[in-house]
Protein backbone atom coordinates (compact mmCIF):
# COMPACT_ATOMS: atom_id res chain seq x y z
CA MET A 1 0.00 0.00 0.00
CA SER A 2 1.47 3.33 -1.00
CA ASP A 3 1.81 6.30 1.33
CA ASN A 4 -0.79 8.20 -0.71
CA THR A 5 -3.39 5.42 -0.26
CA LYS A 6 -2.65 5.19 3.47
CA SER A 7 -3.04 8.96 3.77
CA LYS A 8 -6.43 8.90 2.00
CA ASN A 9 -7.59 6.02 4.22
CA VAL A 10 -6.57 7.88 7.38
CA GLU A 11 -8.29 11.06 6.17
CA ALA A 12 -11.48 9.10 5.42
CA LYS A 13 -11.43 7.46 8.87
CA GLU A 14 -10.97 10.83 10.57
CA LYS A 15 -13.77 12.31 8.46
CA TYR A 16 -16.20 9.52 9.32
CA LEU A 17 -15.18 9.49 12.97
CA MET A 18 -16.01 13.18 13.20
CA GLU A 19 -19.25 12.64 11.29
CA TYR A 20 -20.11 9.70 13.57
CA GLN A 21 -19.85 12.05 16.55
CA GLU A 22 -21.91 14.76 14.83
CA VAL A 23 -24.67 12.32 13.87
CA GLY A 24 -24.68 10.98 17.44
CA ASN A 25 -25.22 14.53 18.67
CA PHE A 26 -27.98 14.94 16.08
CA ILE A 27 -29.74 11.84 17.46
CA ARG A 28 -29.61 13.23 20.99
CA HIS A 29 -30.90 16.59 19.73
CA CYS A 30 -33.83 14.97 17.89
CA SER A 31 -34.75 12.87 20.92
CA SER A 32 -34.66 15.85 23.27
CA VAL A 33 -36.63 18.11 20.96
CA ARG A 34 -39.17 15.37 20.27
CA SER A 35 -39.86 14.73 23.94
CA ALA A 36 -40.01 18.41 24.89
CA VAL A 37 -42.17 19.62 22.00
CA VAL A 38 -44.57 16.66 22.10
CA SER A 39 -45.03 17.06 25.86
CA PHE A 40 -45.71 20.77 25.41
CA LEU A 41 -48.19 20.26 22.56
CA ILE A 42 -50.13 17.59 24.44
CA THR A 43 -50.26 19.81 27.53
CA VAL A 44 -51.62 22.70 25.44
CA ALA A 45 -54.19 20.39 23.84
CA CYS A 46 -55.35 19.08 27.22
CA ALA A 47 -55.54 22.65 28.57
CA ALA A 48 -57.63 23.73 25.58
CA PHE A 49 -59.97 20.78 26.03
CA ALA A 50 -60.26 21.49 29.78
CA ALA A 51 -60.90 25.19 29.19
CA TYR A 52 -63.68 24.25 26.80
CA PHE A 53 -65.80 23.08 29.74
CA ASN A 54 -65.52 26.53 31.38
CA THR A 55 -66.01 28.55 28.19
CA PRO A 56 -67.50 26.36 25.45
CA THR A 57 -66.24 27.91 22.23
CA GLY A 58 -65.37 26.26 18.94
CA PHE A 59 -61.97 27.94 18.97
CA LEU A 60 -60.81 25.87 21.96
CA ILE A 61 -61.89 22.65 20.25
CA PHE A 62 -60.02 23.70 17.10
CA VAL A 63 -56.86 24.56 19.06
CA GLY A 64 -57.02 21.30 21.02
CA HIS A 65 -57.33 19.20 17.89
CA LEU A 66 -54.66 21.22 16.08
CA MET A 67 -52.20 20.68 18.94
CA ILE A 68 -52.95 16.94 19.01
CA VAL A 69 -52.30 16.66 15.27
CA ALA A 70 -49.13 18.76 15.64
CA ALA A 71 -47.92 16.50 18.48
CA LEU A 72 -48.38 13.40 16.31
CA PHE A 73 -46.62 15.03 13.37
CA VAL A 74 -43.68 16.24 15.47
CA CYS A 75 -43.29 12.85 17.11
CA LEU A 76 -43.27 10.94 13.84
CA TRP A 77 -41.05 13.51 12.08
CA PHE A 78 -38.33 13.49 14.74
CA SER A 79 -38.62 9.70 15.09
CA TYR A 80 -37.99 9.38 11.36
CA TRP A 81 -34.82 11.49 11.56
CA THR A 82 -33.61 9.65 14.65
CA GLU A 83 -34.07 6.24 13.03
CA LYS A 84 -32.45 7.42 9.79
CA ALA A 85 -29.42 8.66 11.74
CA GLU A 86 -29.20 5.37 13.65
CA LEU A 87 -29.24 3.40 10.40
CA TYR A 88 -26.50 5.65 9.04
CA LEU A 89 -24.37 5.15 12.15
CA THR A 90 -24.76 1.40 11.74
CA LYS A 91 -23.51 1.74 8.16
CA VAL A 92 -20.53 3.84 9.32
CA TRP A 93 -19.72 1.32 12.07
CA LYS A 94 -19.75 -1.54 9.54
CA TRP A 95 -17.39 0.47 7.33
CA PHE A 96 -15.03 1.00 10.28
CA ASP A 97 -15.04 -2.77 10.87
CA GLY A 98 -14.37 -3.41 7.19
CA ASP A 99 -17.73 -5.12 6.63
CA GLY A 100 -19.34 -2.56 4.33
CA PRO A 101 -18.78 0.03 1.63
CA GLU A 102 -17.82 3.62 2.33
CA PRO A 103 -20.91 5.39 3.77
CA GLY A 104 -20.80 8.51 1.58
CA GLY A 105 -22.08 11.04 4.12
CA PHE A 106 -25.24 11.50 6.15
CA LYS A 107 -26.79 14.09 3.84
CA SER A 108 -26.65 11.69 0.89
CA PHE A 109 -27.85 8.68 2.92
CA LYS A 110 -31.26 7.39 1.86
CA GLY A 111 -33.01 5.58 4.68
CA GLY A 112 -36.03 4.60 2.62
CA CYS A 113 -38.51 1.95 3.70
CA GLU A 114 -36.19 0.60 6.37
CA THR A 115 -36.37 3.92 8.23
CA SER A 116 -40.16 4.06 8.00
CA GLY A 117 -40.35 0.48 9.22
CA LYS A 118 -38.26 1.30 12.27
CA VAL A 119 -40.47 4.31 13.03
CA LEU A 120 -43.56 2.10 12.91
CA LYS A 121 -41.91 -0.50 15.17
CA ASP A 122 -40.99 2.08 17.83
CA PRO A 123 -43.20 1.34 20.86
CA MET A 124 -43.11 4.95 22.10
CA ASN A 125 -44.74 6.14 18.88
CA TRP A 126 -47.56 3.66 19.46
CA VAL A 127 -47.89 4.76 23.09
CA LEU A 128 -48.23 8.36 21.92
CA ILE A 129 -50.79 7.45 19.25
CA LEU A 130 -52.86 5.48 21.76
CA GLY A 131 -52.53 8.29 24.31
CA VAL A 132 -53.68 10.89 21.82
CA LEU A 133 -56.62 8.73 20.77
CA SER A 134 -57.62 8.23 24.40
CA ILE A 135 -57.49 12.02 25.01
CA VAL A 136 -59.71 12.69 22.00
CA VAL A 137 -62.15 9.88 22.93
CA ALA A 138 -62.31 11.06 26.54
CA PHE A 139 -63.02 14.61 25.38
CA ARG A 140 -65.79 13.38 23.09
CA ILE A 141 -67.34 11.27 25.89
CA PHE A 142 -67.30 14.10 28.45
CA GLN A 143 -68.42 16.69 25.89
CA CYS A 144 -71.82 15.02 25.46
């Protein structure tokens, strides 16, 4: 192996090591933002639904439902990015071990159906969906 090839290999390893750390930070960021924003949106939705019983206006129902939909969207969106980043890190780790091709960078990584499948298999997403449905059903029951 020539010195030039060794140099390129070392540069690539340093590049992917730094990117591995950055993507790991991105995963932590997505998880933190997801939990904070979803908790906030569900709290606002529950407050709007509770306020409806004191001042029954259509605006509070609209806001409550809008916040519930926003909470679901935010949860699934950040879950998608977290799972995509985890799949990319797995690809980078395999490359470090010599078991896979060069990753090519996170921005060019296509997660595809595998990412969506992991999002749908995440139990916390299902807990949130069931929780949101129970809030909406409870509101509808007590509204009558």
